[in-house]
């Protein structure tokens, strides 16, 4: 499909983080954009402010009938009235990932994949390149504080995009530079087994363009079989590993200085000490390594990269310090997988070793809660206190006997309870709270502002 002749696009699920970035791209290209979403949010309000028409109820009668393309997210159910109408009437209907793939064909693509770290790595890459003088375009999976957006429009021929494994979306992309940050099992409702997840990731790696670069985190490289590794090596792709032990790109001397994460970086003749980031935790050093390495590969100077990384502000809902005083700290984080919980909680403990850590966790999806139950129990048990919210169902229907108590009952903490999201802020006892971690990928973020207001009044 040729995108050059398109004048009107309708988005079903326009408020999603990936969908809204696409909508913003086309809106900047002066294409008429409208769409549907289930609920009004801060993000949809901003889209409206940018000139995009949005409604919040399924209404076939009021749909625009003269659109050239309909874009939908896999999170929308197959029986959605508007989606069914457009398909039945023979309109050009494409998934979000297909459209991103079509857009990226006109650019040199930097595709960043992995179960964890996609948003942070892609945001760091976008910031470093932009700050070092490469005017990139970027599609991000979160709101970058540096750009105050999940979309960046540039004039250069490089584009940074998250390569999302959900629904095998990343297989629509053919990057010039590919990254795989992590390869933990997830989305088993889609893939079925860990082996099938790994096979899809391998296919993504092999779609790196001839003469391109493939960056693999050391644990990802270790998971590849000898035959899989040979398959990559047979291609005209430069494979580079990054991590802590005998990798091509190394980080060392990790430490906390004045509340910031510091480390030293080395890649062949590129060596620099005292890299400094606002993002805490070992996992975020890996995300920084991705950004530094890609910036170097594109010709950016080490000192310029070091300065840009120091100035990086972070991403909303990625270990975002919403409030900090001597008495209490409020941190908001998107963590919704056991590995992500481990990362967020360990980062909090590293930064605040003498403070009590209270986690407020909203599980995301019934299937994920069921499939990774033991992992959730293990990681949440490290907290000093746990408050659980009900499971956020997203696209799923309830599963019998799968609920938040399934986790809560097995977490061996003395202080733990189930609370309602709607009354959390007013009912939470703040008297003994020192560090509060808001954890989850659903709508738990709506609790942050009311909780912040209560903390400020305290």
Protein backbone atom coordinates (compact mmCIF):
# COMPACT_ATOMS: atom_id res chain seq x y z
CA UNK A 1 0.00 0.00 0.00
CA UNK A 2 1.28 3.48 -0.92
CA UNK A 3 0.84 5.91 1.98
CA UNK A 4 1.60 8.96 -0.20
CA UNK A 5 -1.93 9.24 -1.58
CA UNK A 6 -3.75 8.95 1.77
CA UNK A 7 -5.74 11.99 2.89
CA UNK A 8 -7.98 10.68 5.70
CA UNK A 9 -7.29 8.01 8.36
CA UNK A 10 -9.53 6.63 11.10
CA UNK A 11 -7.94 5.04 14.21
CA UNK A 12 -9.78 2.46 16.35
CA UNK A 13 -8.10 2.58 19.76
CA UNK A 14 -6.44 5.92 19.08
CA UNK A 15 -5.61 6.53 22.76
CA UNK A 16 -3.10 3.67 22.96
CA UNK A 17 0.51 4.74 23.33
CA UNK A 18 1.58 3.20 20.00
CA UNK A 19 -1.57 4.23 18.14
CA UNK A 20 -1.38 7.84 19.31
CA UNK A 21 2.23 8.12 18.10
CA UNK A 22 1.12 7.00 14.62
CA UNK A 23 -1.82 9.42 14.72
CA UNK A 24 0.56 12.24 15.62
CA UNK A 25 2.89 11.30 12.75
CA UNK A 26 0.13 11.52 10.15
CA UNK A 27 -1.39 14.61 11.77
CA UNK A 28 1.99 16.37 11.41
CA UNK A 29 1.89 15.38 7.74
CA UNK A 30 -1.40 17.33 7.47
CA UNK A 31 -3.50 14.21 6.91
CA UNK A 32 -7.01 14.40 8.40
CA UNK A 33 -7.13 12.17 11.49
CA UNK A 34 -10.08 11.01 13.60
CA UNK A 35 -10.68 8.04 15.85
CA UNK A 36 -12.34 6.11 18.64
CA UNK A 37 -11.25 5.07 22.10
CA UNK A 38 -13.07 3.52 25.01
CA UNK A 39 -12.26 6.23 27.54
CA UNK A 40 -11.07 9.81 27.60
CA UNK A 41 -7.57 10.19 29.04
CA UNK A 42 -4.90 12.86 29.44
CA UNK A 43 -3.36 11.58 26.20
CA UNK A 44 -6.60 11.67 24.17
CA UNK A 45 -7.25 15.21 25.43
CA UNK A 46 -3.84 16.24 24.10
CA UNK A 47 -4.61 14.63 20.74
CA UNK A 48 -7.83 16.64 20.58
CA UNK A 49 -5.85 19.80 21.41
CA UNK A 50 -3.61 18.93 18.45
CA UNK A 51 -6.63 18.96 16.12
CA UNK A 52 -7.63 15.28 16.08
CA UNK A 53 -11.33 14.37 16.39
CA UNK A 54 -12.07 11.59 18.90
CA UNK A 55 -15.29 10.00 20.21
CA UNK A 56 -15.73 7.50 23.05
CA UNK A 57 -18.64 5.25 22.11
CA UNK A 58 -19.03 2.64 19.38
CA UNK A 59 -21.25 4.34 16.85
CA UNK A 60 -21.35 3.07 13.26
CA UNK A 61 -23.81 5.77 12.20
CA UNK A 62 -21.43 8.63 12.94
CA UNK A 63 -18.32 7.03 11.43
CA UNK A 64 -16.54 8.94 8.66
CA UNK A 65 -17.33 7.10 5.43
CA UNK A 66 -14.72 8.76 3.18
CA UNK A 67 -11.54 7.53 4.89
CA UNK A 68 -8.66 6.08 2.86
CA UNK A 69 -7.28 3.90 5.66
CA UNK A 70 -8.51 2.42 8.94
CA UNK A 71 -5.86 1.56 11.57
CA UNK A 72 -6.64 -0.61 14.59
CA UNK A 73 -4.81 -2.03 17.56
CA UNK A 74 -4.89 -5.79 18.37
CA UNK A 75 -6.14 -4.77 21.82
CA UNK A 76 -9.52 -3.99 20.19
CA UNK A 77 -11.80 -7.06 20.25
CA UNK A 78 -12.62 -8.71 16.91
CA UNK A 79 -16.35 -8.04 17.39
CA UNK A 80 -15.89 -4.28 17.81
CA UNK A 81 -18.79 -2.68 15.90
CA UNK A 82 -16.71 -0.06 14.13
CA UNK A 83 -13.98 -2.48 13.12
CA UNK A 84 -16.53 -4.99 11.81
CA UNK A 85 -18.26 -2.25 9.80
CA UNK A 86 -15.12 -1.09 8.03
CA UNK A 87 -14.02 -4.65 7.26
CA UNK A 88 -17.47 -5.63 5.96
CA UNK A 89 -17.67 -2.52 3.76
CA UNK A 90 -14.32 -3.33 2.16
CA UNK A 91 -12.25 -0.43 3.47
CA UNK A 92 -8.44 -0.64 3.62
CA UNK A 93 -7.98 -1.89 7.22
CA UNK A 94 -4.54 -2.46 8.75
CA UNK A 95 -3.05 -3.23 12.17
CA UNK A 96 -0.93 -0.58 13.83
CA UNK A 97 2.24 -2.64 13.33
CA UNK A 98 1.62 -2.99 9.60
CA UNK A 99 1.33 0.77 9.22
CA UNK A 100 4.48 1.38 11.29
CA UNK A 101 6.24 -1.09 8.99
CA UNK A 102 5.06 0.80 5.90
CA UNK A 103 6.22 4.12 7.35
CA UNK A 104 9.64 2.74 8.30
CA UNK A 105 10.29 1.61 4.72
CA UNK A 106 11.00 5.25 3.87
CA UNK A 107 13.63 5.55 6.62
CA UNK A 108 16.69 3.83 8.03
CA UNK A 109 15.12 2.09 11.01
CA UNK A 110 16.51 1.55 14.50
CA UNK A 111 14.22 -1.17 15.90
CA UNK A 112 14.41 -1.84 19.64
CA UNK A 113 12.90 -5.09 20.91
CA UNK A 114 12.82 -7.05 24.17
CA UNK A 115 10.38 -8.13 26.84
CA UNK A 116 11.62 -5.25 28.98
CA UNK A 117 13.45 -1.99 28.33
CA UNK A 118 12.03 -1.10 24.91
CA UNK A 119 10.56 2.25 25.92
CA UNK A 120 13.51 3.36 28.03
CA UNK A 121 16.11 2.29 25.46
CA UNK A 122 14.28 3.88 22.52
CA UNK A 123 13.76 7.11 24.48
CA UNK A 124 17.45 7.26 25.39
CA UNK A 125 18.46 6.55 21.78
CA UNK A 126 16.12 9.27 20.49
CA UNK A 127 17.37 11.81 23.03
CA UNK A 128 21.07 11.10 22.52
CA UNK A 129 20.87 11.22 18.73
CA UNK A 130 18.76 14.38 18.74
CA UNK A 131 21.06 16.05 21.28
CA UNK A 132 24.12 15.07 19.24
CA UNK A 133 22.75 16.67 16.09
CA UNK A 134 20.98 13.82 14.27
CA UNK A 135 17.42 15.02 13.62
CA UNK A 136 15.66 11.65 14.03
CA UNK A 137 11.98 10.74 13.92
CA UNK A 138 10.84 8.52 16.81
CA UNK A 139 7.85 6.39 17.78
CA UNK A 140 8.06 5.76 21.54
CA UNK A 141 6.08 3.51 23.86
CA UNK A 142 5.90 6.10 26.62
CA UNK A 143 5.88 9.85 27.17
CA UNK A 144 9.46 11.11 27.03
CA UNK A 145 10.06 13.95 29.47
CA UNK A 146 12.63 15.41 27.09
CA UNK A 147 10.13 15.67 24.21
CA UNK A 148 6.93 15.74 26.33
CA UNK A 149 5.53 13.29 23.79
CA UNK A 150 5.62 9.72 22.51
CA UNK A 151 6.37 10.99 19.01
CA UNK A 152 9.21 13.05 17.57
CA UNK A 153 9.24 14.34 13.99
CA UNK A 154 12.65 14.97 12.42
CA UNK A 155 14.15 15.76 9.04
CA UNK A 156 16.86 13.07 9.01
CA UNK A 157 16.50 9.65 7.36
CA UNK A 158 16.83 7.76 10.68
CA UNK A 159 13.77 6.64 12.64
CA UNK A 160 13.72 5.09 16.11
CA UNK A 161 10.85 2.72 16.87
CA UNK A 162 9.93 0.15 19.48
CA UNK A 163 9.68 -3.32 18.03
CA UNK A 164 6.78 -4.79 20.01
CA UNK A 165 6.61 -8.57 20.35
CA UNK A 166 2.89 -8.57 21.24
CA UNK A 167 0.87 -10.22 18.48
CA UNK A 168 4.22 -10.68 16.62
CA UNK A 169 3.99 -7.01 15.63
CA UNK A 170 7.76 -6.61 15.30
CA UNK A 171 7.86 -8.97 12.34
CA UNK A 172 6.54 -6.12 10.18
CA UNK A 173 9.83 -4.26 10.71
CA UNK A 174 13.15 -4.55 8.87
CA UNK A 175 15.67 -2.47 10.81
CA UNK A 176 19.07 -1.21 9.75
CA UNK A 177 20.00 -1.43 13.44
CA UNK A 178 18.25 -4.01 15.65
CA UNK A 179 18.37 -4.38 19.43
CA UNK A 180 17.08 -7.14 21.69
CA UNK A 181 17.31 -6.10 25.34
CA UNK A 182 15.75 -9.15 26.98
CA UNK A 183 14.00 -12.38 26.10
CA UNK A 184 11.88 -13.33 29.10
CA UNK A 185 8.63 -15.21 28.44
CA UNK A 186 5.53 -13.01 28.22
CA UNK A 187 2.29 -12.88 26.23
CA UNK A 188 1.86 -16.64 26.54
CA UNK A 189 -1.80 -16.08 25.60
CA UNK A 190 -0.46 -15.21 22.13
CA UNK A 191 2.60 -17.46 21.79
CA UNK A 192 1.72 -20.51 23.85
CA UNK A 193 5.31 -21.49 24.74
CA UNK A 194 8.68 -19.86 25.46
CA UNK A 195 10.12 -21.69 22.43
CA UNK A 196 7.65 -19.94 20.12
CA UNK A 197 8.55 -16.57 21.64
CA UNK A 198 12.23 -17.25 21.03
CA UNK A 199 11.54 -18.32 17.45
CA UNK A 200 9.75 -15.02 16.74
CA UNK A 201 12.61 -13.04 18.24
CA UNK A 202 15.07 -14.95 16.07
CA UNK A 203 13.01 -14.08 13.00
CA UNK A 204 13.09 -10.41 14.05
CA UNK A 205 16.88 -10.58 14.39
CA UNK A 206 17.20 -12.13 10.94
CA UNK A 207 15.14 -9.30 9.45
CA UNK A 208 18.00 -6.88 10.18
CA UNK A 209 18.99 -5.45 6.82
CA UNK A 210 22.13 -6.50 4.98
CA UNK A 211 25.16 -4.67 6.36
CA UNK A 212 23.22 -3.72 9.49
CA UNK A 213 24.00 -3.98 13.20
CA UNK A 214 22.40 -6.37 15.70
CA UNK A 215 22.91 -5.57 19.40
CA UNK A 216 22.08 -8.41 21.81
CA UNK A 217 22.11 -8.22 25.61
CA UNK A 218 24.35 -10.99 26.99
CA UNK A 219 21.53 -13.14 28.43
CA UNK A 220 19.72 -12.99 25.07
CA UNK A 221 22.86 -14.16 23.29
CA UNK A 222 23.23 -17.00 25.82
CA UNK A 223 19.71 -18.24 25.04
CA UNK A 224 20.45 -18.73 21.35
CA UNK A 225 21.34 -22.26 20.29
CA UNK A 226 24.47 -22.95 18.25
CA UNK A 227 22.36 -23.44 15.12
CA UNK A 228 20.44 -20.20 15.69
CA UNK A 229 23.68 -18.30 16.19
CA UNK A 230 25.09 -19.76 12.98
CA UNK A 231 21.96 -18.69 11.14
CA UNK A 232 22.57 -15.09 12.22
CA UNK A 233 26.28 -15.29 11.45
CA UNK A 234 25.54 -16.51 7.90
CA UNK A 235 23.82 -13.19 7.22
CA UNK A 236 25.69 -10.01 6.40
CA UNK A 237 24.92 -8.59 9.87
CA UNK A 238 27.41 -7.39 12.49
CA UNK A 239 26.46 -9.06 15.79
CA UNK A 240 27.51 -7.17 18.94
CA UNK A 241 26.85 -8.24 22.53
CA UNK A 242 26.54 -5.88 25.50
CA UNK A 243 26.54 -6.50 29.24
CA UNK A 244 28.92 -7.19 32.09
CA UNK A 245 30.98 -10.27 31.28
CA UNK A 246 33.20 -10.88 28.23
CA UNK A 247 30.87 -9.00 25.88
CA UNK A 248 31.83 -6.75 22.96
CA UNK A 249 30.45 -3.73 24.83
CA UNK A 250 31.06 -3.59 28.58
CA UNK A 251 29.80 -1.61 31.56
CA UNK A 252 31.77 -1.61 34.79
CA UNK A 253 32.34 0.23 38.06
CA UNK A 254 28.62 0.71 38.69
CA UNK A 255 27.84 3.01 41.61
CA UNK A 256 25.37 5.51 43.02
CA UNK A 257 26.67 9.07 43.35
CA UNK A 258 24.43 11.84 44.71
CA UNK A 259 21.31 9.81 43.92
CA UNK A 260 22.32 9.15 40.30
CA UNK A 261 23.53 6.00 38.57
CA UNK A 262 27.14 6.12 37.38
CA UNK A 263 29.22 3.62 35.40
CA UNK A 264 32.14 3.27 32.99
CA UNK A 265 31.66 2.28 29.34
CA UNK A 266 33.95 0.45 26.91
CA UNK A 267 33.59 -0.69 23.28
CA UNK A 268 36.88 -1.41 21.48
CA UNK A 269 38.70 1.93 21.38
CA UNK A 270 35.71 3.83 22.77
CA UNK A 271 36.24 4.15 26.51
CA UNK A 272 34.76 6.69 28.87
CA UNK A 273 34.38 6.79 32.64
CA UNK A 274 31.79 8.52 34.76
CA UNK A 275 28.73 8.02 32.58
CA UNK A 276 25.91 9.56 34.60
CA UNK A 277 22.15 8.90 34.38
CA UNK A 278 19.03 9.91 36.28
CA UNK A 279 17.74 6.33 35.83
CA UNK A 280 18.66 3.94 38.67
CA UNK A 281 19.32 0.20 38.56
CA UNK A 282 21.54 -2.24 36.72
CA UNK A 283 18.86 -2.80 34.08
CA UNK A 284 18.89 0.89 33.20
CA UNK A 285 22.65 0.82 32.68
CA UNK A 286 21.93 -1.72 29.94
CA UNK A 287 19.37 0.65 28.42
CA UNK A 288 21.97 3.42 28.52
CA UNK A 289 24.54 1.14 26.87
CA UNK A 290 22.16 0.64 23.94
CA UNK A 291 21.81 4.40 23.48
CA UNK A 292 25.53 5.10 23.79
CA UNK A 293 26.46 2.31 21.37
CA UNK A 294 23.98 3.36 18.68
CA UNK A 295 25.05 6.99 19.01
CA UNK A 296 28.69 5.94 18.56
CA UNK A 297 27.79 3.74 15.59
CA UNK A 298 26.18 6.78 13.94
CA UNK A 299 29.28 8.92 14.47
CA UNK A 300 28.41 10.90 17.60
CA UNK A 301 31.32 12.05 19.79
CA UNK A 302 31.87 10.47 23.21
CA UNK A 303 31.89 13.72 25.17
CA UNK A 304 28.70 14.89 23.45
CA UNK A 305 27.05 11.55 24.29
CA UNK A 306 28.19 11.77 27.91
CA UNK A 307 26.73 15.27 28.26
CA UNK A 308 23.45 14.25 26.55
CA UNK A 309 23.03 11.21 28.81
CA UNK A 310 23.57 13.33 31.92
CA UNK A 311 20.83 15.69 30.72
CA UNK A 312 18.35 12.91 29.90
CA UNK A 313 15.20 13.54 31.98
CA UNK A 314 13.60 10.11 31.75
CA UNK A 315 10.17 8.76 30.81
CA UNK A 316 6.85 9.11 32.56
CA UNK A 317 5.91 5.97 34.50
CA UNK A 318 9.44 4.49 34.20
CA UNK A 319 10.72 4.79 37.77
CA UNK A 320 9.35 8.33 37.75
CA UNK A 321 9.98 10.21 41.00
CA UNK A 322 6.69 12.04 41.41
CA UNK A 323 7.53 13.44 44.85
CA UNK A 324 10.59 13.36 47.09
CA UNK A 325 11.28 14.83 50.50
CA UNK A 326 13.29 13.72 53.53
CA UNK A 327 10.15 12.05 54.93
CA UNK A 328 8.47 10.42 51.93
CA UNK A 329 9.15 9.45 48.30
CA UNK A 330 6.51 8.61 45.68
CA UNK A 331 7.65 6.68 42.59
CA UNK A 332 5.44 5.66 39.65
CA UNK A 333 6.52 2.68 37.52
CA UNK A 334 4.99 0.70 34.65
CA UNK A 335 6.30 -2.65 35.98
CA UNK A 336 3.80 -5.44 35.21
CA UNK A 337 6.01 -8.54 34.75
CA UNK A 338 7.98 -10.25 37.57
CA UNK A 339 11.31 -9.23 36.02
CA UNK A 340 10.18 -5.61 35.85
CA UNK A 341 8.97 -5.70 39.46
CA UNK A 342 12.35 -7.05 40.51
CA UNK A 343 14.10 -4.24 38.67
CA UNK A 344 11.92 -1.46 40.12
CA UNK A 345 11.98 -2.76 43.71
CA UNK A 346 15.75 -3.42 43.67
CA UNK A 347 16.37 0.07 42.25
CA UNK A 348 14.31 1.56 45.11
CA UNK A 349 16.28 -0.46 47.66
CA UNK A 350 19.59 0.64 46.11
CA UNK A 351 18.60 4.32 46.22
CA UNK A 352 16.92 4.19 49.65
CA UNK A 353 18.67 1.38 51.57
CA UNK A 354 17.52 2.61 55.00
CA UNK A 355 13.90 3.35 54.15
CA UNK A 356 10.76 1.23 54.31
CA UNK A 357 9.51 0.29 50.82
CA UNK A 358 5.74 -0.01 50.30
CA UNK A 359 4.54 -1.36 46.95
CA UNK A 360 1.06 -0.73 45.53
CA UNK A 361 0.59 -3.25 42.73
CA UNK A 362 -2.17 -3.63 40.16
CA UNK A 363 -1.78 -6.91 38.21
CA UNK A 364 -2.26 -6.56 34.45
CA UNK A 365 -4.25 -9.32 32.68
CA UNK A 366 -5.73 -12.49 34.16
CA UNK A 367 -3.53 -14.70 31.94
CA UNK A 368 -0.31 -12.97 33.00
CA UNK A 369 -1.31 -13.27 36.67
CA UNK A 370 -1.96 -16.99 36.19
CA UNK A 371 1.09 -17.73 34.04
CA UNK A 372 3.64 -15.90 36.21
CA UNK A 373 2.05 -16.35 39.63
CA UNK A 374 5.16 -17.73 41.37
CA UNK A 375 7.30 -14.93 39.93
CA UNK A 376 4.91 -12.26 41.22
CA UNK A 377 4.88 -13.85 44.68
CA UNK A 378 8.69 -14.04 44.79
CA UNK A 379 9.35 -10.45 43.72
CA UNK A 380 6.61 -8.80 45.79
CA UNK A 381 7.81 -10.67 48.88
CA UNK A 382 10.92 -8.46 48.90
CA UNK A 383 8.82 -5.41 49.81
CA UNK A 384 8.33 -4.26 53.40
CA UNK A 385 4.61 -3.77 52.81
CA UNK A 386 2.31 -4.76 49.94
CA UNK A 387 -0.99 -3.24 48.89
CA UNK A 388 -2.78 -5.04 46.05
CA UNK A 389 -5.42 -3.67 43.72
CA UNK A 390 -7.78 -5.81 41.65
CA UNK A 391 -6.52 -7.19 38.34
CA UNK A 392 -6.75 -4.79 35.40
CA UNK A 393 -8.41 -6.93 32.69
CA UNK A 394 -7.52 -4.83 29.61
CA UNK A 395 -8.66 -6.94 26.63
CA UNK A 396 -9.45 -10.08 28.67
CA UNK A 397 -12.52 -11.66 30.24
CA UNK A 398 -12.19 -12.94 33.83
CA UNK A 399 -10.71 -16.39 34.49
CA UNK A 400 -12.31 -18.43 37.28
CA UNK A 401 -10.33 -18.32 40.54
CA UNK A 402 -7.70 -15.94 39.12
CA UNK A 403 -7.69 -12.74 41.18
CA UNK A 404 -5.37 -10.51 43.20
CA UNK A 405 -5.84 -12.62 46.35
CA UNK A 406 -4.11 -15.45 44.51
CA UNK A 407 -0.91 -13.43 44.87
CA UNK A 408 -1.69 -11.68 48.14
CA UNK A 409 -2.47 -14.84 50.12
CA UNK A 410 0.91 -16.39 49.25
CA UNK A 411 3.14 -13.37 49.82
CA UNK A 412 4.78 -13.97 53.23
CA UNK A 413 4.59 -10.38 54.47
CA UNK A 414 3.18 -9.29 57.78
CA UNK A 415 1.87 -6.04 56.33
CA UNK A 416 -0.31 -6.68 53.28
CA UNK A 417 -3.86 -5.90 52.18
CA UNK A 418 -6.22 -5.60 49.22
CA UNK A 419 -7.59 -2.12 48.56
CA UNK A 420 -9.88 -0.45 46.03
CA UNK A 421 -8.30 1.77 43.37
CA UNK A 422 -11.15 4.26 43.73
CA UNK A 423 -10.61 4.81 47.46
CA UNK A 424 -6.88 4.12 47.71
CA UNK A 425 -5.70 7.71 48.00
CA UNK A 426 -8.15 8.68 50.75
CA UNK A 427 -7.90 5.42 52.72
CA UNK A 428 -4.15 4.77 52.59
CA UNK A 429 -2.49 5.38 55.96
CA UNK A 430 0.55 7.53 55.21
CA UNK A 431 1.89 7.73 58.76
CA UNK A 432 4.58 5.05 58.38
CA UNK A 433 5.18 5.32 54.63
CA UNK A 434 8.72 6.26 53.55
CA UNK A 435 9.00 5.09 49.91
CA UNK A 436 5.82 4.30 47.98
CA UNK A 437 6.13 2.43 44.68
CA UNK A 438 3.12 2.60 42.34
CA UNK A 439 3.46 -0.52 40.16
CA UNK A 440 1.39 -1.66 37.16
CA UNK A 441 0.48 -1.14 33.50
CA UNK A 442 -3.30 -0.72 33.82
CA UNK A 443 -5.06 2.39 35.12
CA UNK A 444 -3.22 2.53 38.45
CA UNK A 445 -1.60 5.75 37.21
CA UNK A 446 -4.92 7.51 37.94
CA UNK A 447 -4.15 7.00 41.64
CA UNK A 448 -0.94 9.00 41.47
CA UNK A 449 -2.31 12.55 41.42
CA UNK A 450 -4.83 12.07 44.29
CA UNK A 451 -2.11 10.35 46.34
CA UNK A 452 0.33 13.16 45.57
CA UNK A 453 -2.19 15.76 46.74
CA UNK A 454 -2.65 13.90 50.04
CA UNK A 455 1.09 13.65 50.57
CA UNK A 456 1.53 17.38 49.98
CA UNK A 457 -1.21 18.17 52.51
CA UNK A 458 0.35 15.91 55.16
